[in-house]
Amino acid sequence: MKLGYTRAMVRAALAGDLDSVPTEADPVFGLAVPTSVSDVPGEVLAPRETWTEPEAYDEAAKKLAGMFQYNFQQFADRVPESVIAAGPRTD
């Protein structure tokens, strides 16, 4: 991702410009991803769309989610079920 796009997203977030924009939930990580950010092309906001092989993105996202779940196991007995449920999904 171009540094200019990252900067535009950070500026928008800090200025509160993303507080009321429409979002789409990421199916693996559950994050609310804005559908538009000023000065950022829309396709950059959908990570899967930036990969030449979307199936490879799916595999990488699932692998990363699995790594997160594995690492989080060390904390699972100290957090509410709602926190665990908010984590990434591999199903």
N, C-alpha and C. Protein backbone atom coordinates (compact mmCIF):
# COMPACT_ATOMS: atom_id res chain seq x y z
N MET A 1 0.85 -1.17 0.00
CA MET A 1 0.00 0.00 0.00
C MET A 1 0.90 1.24 0.00
N LYS A 2 0.52 2.19 -0.79
CA LYS A 2 1.30 3.43 -0.85
C LYS A 2 1.22 4.18 0.47
N LEU A 3 2.34 4.74 0.86
CA LEU A 3 2.42 5.49 2.11
C LEU A 3 1.42 6.64 2.13
N GLY A 4 1.20 7.28 1.01
CA GLY A 4 0.24 8.38 0.93
C GLY A 4 -1.17 7.95 1.28
N TYR A 5 -1.55 6.73 0.90
CA TYR A 5 -2.87 6.21 1.24
C TYR A 5 -2.97 5.95 2.75
N THR A 6 -1.90 5.39 3.30
CA THR A 6 -1.87 5.15 4.74
C THR A 6 -2.01 6.46 5.50
N ARG A 7 -1.26 7.45 5.07
CA ARG A 7 -1.34 8.76 5.73
C ARG A 7 -2.74 9.36 5.61
N ALA A 8 -3.35 9.23 4.45
CA ALA A 8 -4.70 9.77 4.26
C ALA A 8 -5.68 9.08 5.20
N MET A 9 -5.53 7.76 5.38
CA MET A 9 -6.43 7.03 6.28
C MET A 9 -6.21 7.44 7.74
N VAL A 10 -4.96 7.59 8.13
CA VAL A 10 -4.68 8.00 9.51
C VAL A 10 -5.21 9.41 9.76
N ARG A 11 -4.97 10.31 8.80
CA ARG A 11 -5.50 11.68 8.96
C ARG A 11 -7.02 11.68 9.08
N ALA A 12 -7.67 10.90 8.24
CA ALA A 12 -9.13 10.83 8.28
C ALA A 12 -9.62 10.27 9.62
N ALA A 13 -8.95 9.26 10.12
CA ALA A 13 -9.34 8.66 11.41
C ALA A 13 -9.15 9.66 12.54
N LEU A 14 -8.02 10.34 12.56
CA LEU A 14 -7.74 11.29 13.64
C LEU A 14 -8.66 12.50 13.59
N ALA A 15 -9.09 12.87 12.40
CA ALA A 15 -9.98 14.03 12.26
C ALA A 15 -11.44 13.67 12.51
N GLY A 16 -11.72 12.38 12.71
CA GLY A 16 -13.10 11.95 12.94
C GLY A 16 -13.90 11.81 11.66
N ASP A 17 -13.22 11.88 10.51
CA ASP A 17 -13.92 11.81 9.23
C ASP A 17 -14.49 10.42 8.94
N LEU A 18 -14.05 9.42 9.67
CA LEU A 18 -14.53 8.06 9.43
C LEU A 18 -15.67 7.66 10.37
N ASP A 19 -16.02 8.56 11.28
CA ASP A 19 -17.03 8.24 12.28
C ASP A 19 -18.39 7.93 11.68
N SER A 20 -18.71 8.51 10.53
CA SER A 20 -20.05 8.33 9.98
C SER A 20 -20.05 7.77 8.57
N VAL A 21 -18.92 7.24 8.10
CA VAL A 21 -18.91 6.65 6.76
C VAL A 21 -19.43 5.22 6.82
N PRO A 22 -20.04 4.76 5.73
CA PRO A 22 -20.49 3.36 5.70
C PRO A 22 -19.30 2.42 5.80
N THR A 23 -19.54 1.27 6.41
CA THR A 23 -18.49 0.26 6.57
C THR A 23 -19.01 -1.10 6.14
N GLU A 24 -18.07 -1.99 5.90
CA GLU A 24 -18.39 -3.39 5.65
C GLU A 24 -17.56 -4.22 6.62
N ALA A 25 -18.16 -5.23 7.20
CA ALA A 25 -17.44 -6.09 8.14
C ALA A 25 -16.53 -7.04 7.39
N ASP A 26 -15.27 -7.10 7.80
CA ASP A 26 -14.35 -8.06 7.23
C ASP A 26 -14.79 -9.45 7.69
N PRO A 27 -14.97 -10.39 6.75
CA PRO A 27 -15.52 -11.70 7.13
C PRO A 27 -14.62 -12.54 8.03
N VAL A 28 -13.32 -12.30 8.02
CA VAL A 28 -12.40 -13.09 8.84
C VAL A 28 -12.10 -12.38 10.15
N PHE A 29 -11.76 -11.11 10.07
CA PHE A 29 -11.30 -10.39 11.25
C PHE A 29 -12.38 -9.58 11.94
N GLY A 30 -13.54 -9.44 11.32
CA GLY A 30 -14.66 -8.75 11.94
C GLY A 30 -14.50 -7.24 12.05
N LEU A 31 -13.48 -6.68 11.43
CA LEU A 31 -13.26 -5.24 11.51
C LEU A 31 -14.26 -4.49 10.64
N ALA A 32 -14.66 -3.32 11.09
CA ALA A 32 -15.54 -2.45 10.30
C ALA A 32 -14.65 -1.64 9.36
N VAL A 33 -14.65 -2.01 8.11
CA VAL A 33 -13.78 -1.39 7.11
C VAL A 33 -14.55 -0.30 6.37
N PRO A 34 -14.07 0.93 6.39
CA PRO A 34 -14.77 2.00 5.66
C PRO A 34 -14.85 1.67 4.17
N THR A 35 -15.96 2.02 3.55
CA THR A 35 -16.10 1.79 2.12
C THR A 35 -15.55 2.95 1.31
N SER A 36 -15.28 4.07 1.97
CA SER A 36 -14.65 5.19 1.27
C SER A 36 -13.86 6.04 2.26
N VAL A 37 -12.72 6.51 1.80
CA VAL A 37 -11.86 7.43 2.55
C VAL A 37 -11.34 8.44 1.54
N SER A 38 -11.44 9.68 1.87
CA SER A 38 -10.98 10.74 0.97
C SER A 38 -9.52 10.52 0.57
N ASP A 39 -9.24 10.66 -0.70
CA ASP A 39 -7.88 10.54 -1.26
C ASP A 39 -7.34 9.11 -1.26
N VAL A 40 -8.21 8.12 -1.08
CA VAL A 40 -7.80 6.71 -1.10
C VAL A 40 -8.72 5.96 -2.07
N PRO A 41 -8.15 5.29 -3.07
CA PRO A 41 -8.98 4.52 -4.00
C PRO A 41 -9.75 3.42 -3.26
N GLY A 42 -10.99 3.24 -3.62
CA GLY A 42 -11.85 2.25 -2.96
C GLY A 42 -11.30 0.85 -2.96
N GLU A 43 -10.62 0.45 -4.05
CA GLU A 43 -10.12 -0.92 -4.11
C GLU A 43 -9.03 -1.19 -3.08
N VAL A 44 -8.37 -0.16 -2.61
CA VAL A 44 -7.34 -0.32 -1.58
C VAL A 44 -7.98 -0.69 -0.24
N LEU A 45 -9.21 -0.28 -0.05
CA LEU A 45 -9.89 -0.52 1.22
C LEU A 45 -10.41 -1.95 1.35
N ALA A 46 -10.42 -2.68 0.25
CA ALA A 46 -10.85 -4.08 0.25
C ALA A 46 -9.63 -4.94 -0.04
N PRO A 47 -8.91 -5.38 0.99
CA PRO A 47 -7.64 -6.09 0.79
C PRO A 47 -7.72 -7.25 -0.20
N ARG A 48 -8.78 -8.01 -0.14
CA ARG A 48 -8.91 -9.17 -1.03
C ARG A 48 -8.88 -8.74 -2.49
N GLU A 49 -9.42 -7.57 -2.76
CA GLU A 49 -9.48 -7.06 -4.13
C GLU A 49 -8.10 -6.66 -4.66
N THR A 50 -7.14 -6.43 -3.79
CA THR A 50 -5.82 -6.00 -4.22
C THR A 50 -4.92 -7.17 -4.61
N TRP A 51 -5.32 -8.37 -4.31
CA TRP A 51 -4.52 -9.55 -4.63
C TRP A 51 -4.88 -10.03 -6.04
N THR A 52 -3.88 -10.43 -6.81
CA THR A 52 -4.15 -10.96 -8.15
C THR A 52 -4.85 -12.30 -8.08
N GLU A 53 -4.64 -13.02 -6.98
CA GLU A 53 -5.32 -14.30 -6.75
C GLU A 53 -6.10 -14.21 -5.44
N PRO A 54 -7.39 -13.86 -5.51
CA PRO A 54 -8.18 -13.70 -4.29
C PRO A 54 -8.18 -14.94 -3.38
N GLU A 55 -8.07 -16.12 -3.98
CA GLU A 55 -8.04 -17.34 -3.18
C GLU A 55 -6.77 -17.40 -2.32
N ALA A 56 -5.69 -16.85 -2.84
CA ALA A 56 -4.45 -16.80 -2.06
C ALA A 56 -4.62 -15.85 -0.88
N TYR A 57 -5.35 -14.76 -1.08
CA TYR A 57 -5.64 -13.85 0.03
C TYR A 57 -6.44 -14.60 1.09
N ASP A 58 -7.46 -15.34 0.65
CA ASP A 58 -8.29 -16.09 1.60
C ASP A 58 -7.44 -17.04 2.45
N GLU A 59 -6.52 -17.73 1.79
CA GLU A 59 -5.63 -18.65 2.52
C GLU A 59 -4.75 -17.90 3.51
N ALA A 60 -4.18 -16.77 3.08
CA ALA A 60 -3.30 -16.00 3.96
C ALA A 60 -4.07 -15.42 5.14
N ALA A 61 -5.28 -14.94 4.88
CA ALA A 61 -6.10 -14.38 5.96
C ALA A 61 -6.47 -15.47 6.97
N LYS A 62 -6.83 -16.63 6.46
CA LYS A 62 -7.20 -17.75 7.34
C LYS A 62 -5.99 -18.19 8.18
N LYS A 63 -4.81 -18.22 7.55
CA LYS A 63 -3.59 -18.60 8.27
C LYS A 63 -3.28 -17.58 9.38
N LEU A 64 -3.37 -16.29 9.04
CA LEU A 64 -3.12 -15.25 10.03
C LEU A 64 -4.13 -15.32 11.18
N ALA A 65 -5.40 -15.55 10.86
CA ALA A 65 -6.42 -15.69 11.89
C ALA A 65 -6.12 -16.88 12.80
N GLY A 66 -5.68 -17.97 12.21
CA GLY A 66 -5.32 -19.15 13.00
C GLY A 66 -4.15 -18.87 13.92
N MET A 67 -3.17 -18.13 13.42
CA MET A 67 -2.02 -17.77 14.25
C MET A 67 -2.46 -16.88 15.41
N PHE A 68 -3.37 -15.96 15.15
CA PHE A 68 -3.89 -15.10 16.21
C PHE A 68 -4.61 -15.95 17.25
N GLN A 69 -5.48 -16.85 16.80
CA GLN A 69 -6.22 -17.70 17.72
C GLN A 69 -5.28 -18.54 18.57
N TYR A 70 -4.27 -19.11 17.95
CA TYR A 70 -3.31 -19.92 18.68
C TYR A 70 -2.60 -19.10 19.75
N ASN A 71 -2.11 -17.94 19.38
CA ASN A 71 -1.40 -17.07 20.32
C ASN A 71 -2.33 -16.59 21.44
N PHE A 72 -3.58 -16.34 21.11
CA PHE A 72 -4.51 -15.81 22.10
C PHE A 72 -4.88 -16.84 23.16
N GLN A 73 -4.69 -18.09 22.89
CA GLN A 73 -5.04 -19.14 23.85
C GLN A 73 -4.41 -18.90 25.22
N GLN A 74 -3.25 -18.28 25.25
CA GLN A 74 -2.59 -18.03 26.53
C GLN A 74 -3.33 -17.01 27.39
N PHE A 75 -4.24 -16.24 26.79
CA PHE A 75 -5.00 -15.23 27.53
C PHE A 75 -6.47 -15.60 27.71
N ALA A 76 -6.92 -16.63 27.03
CA ALA A 76 -8.34 -16.95 26.94
C ALA A 76 -9.00 -17.16 28.31
N ASP A 77 -8.26 -17.69 29.26
CA ASP A 77 -8.87 -17.95 30.57
C ASP A 77 -8.99 -16.68 31.42
N ARG A 78 -8.51 -15.54 30.90
CA ARG A 78 -8.55 -14.29 31.67
C ARG A 78 -9.44 -13.22 31.07
N VAL A 79 -10.18 -13.57 30.03
CA VAL A 79 -11.03 -12.58 29.37
C VAL A 79 -12.45 -13.10 29.26
N PRO A 80 -13.42 -12.19 29.16
CA PRO A 80 -14.80 -12.65 28.98
C PRO A 80 -15.01 -13.34 27.64
N GLU A 81 -16.01 -14.16 27.58
CA GLU A 81 -16.35 -14.88 26.35
C GLU A 81 -16.60 -13.91 25.19
N SER A 82 -17.12 -12.74 25.49
CA SER A 82 -17.39 -11.76 24.42
C SER A 82 -16.10 -11.32 23.73
N VAL A 83 -15.01 -11.26 24.47
CA VAL A 83 -13.72 -10.89 23.87
C VAL A 83 -13.23 -12.01 22.97
N ILE A 84 -13.36 -13.23 23.42
CA ILE A 84 -12.96 -14.38 22.61
C ILE A 84 -13.80 -14.43 21.33
N ALA A 85 -15.09 -14.22 21.46
CA ALA A 85 -15.99 -14.27 20.31
C ALA A 85 -15.71 -13.17 19.31
N ALA A 86 -15.09 -12.08 19.75
CA ALA A 86 -14.80 -10.95 18.85
C ALA A 86 -13.56 -11.19 18.00
N GLY A 87 -12.84 -12.26 18.27
CA GLY A 87 -11.61 -12.54 17.53
C GLY A 87 -11.87 -13.01 16.13
N PRO A 88 -10.82 -13.22 15.36
CA PRO A 88 -10.96 -13.65 13.97
C PRO A 88 -11.56 -15.04 13.87
N ARG A 89 -12.14 -15.29 12.70
CA ARG A 89 -12.81 -16.58 12.43
C ARG A 89 -12.05 -17.34 11.37
N THR A 90 -11.94 -18.62 11.56
CA THR A 90 -11.29 -19.46 10.56
C THR A 90 -12.26 -20.45 9.93
N ASP A 91 -13.51 -20.39 10.31
CA ASP A 91 -14.49 -21.33 9.75
C ASP A 91 -15.08 -20.87 8.45
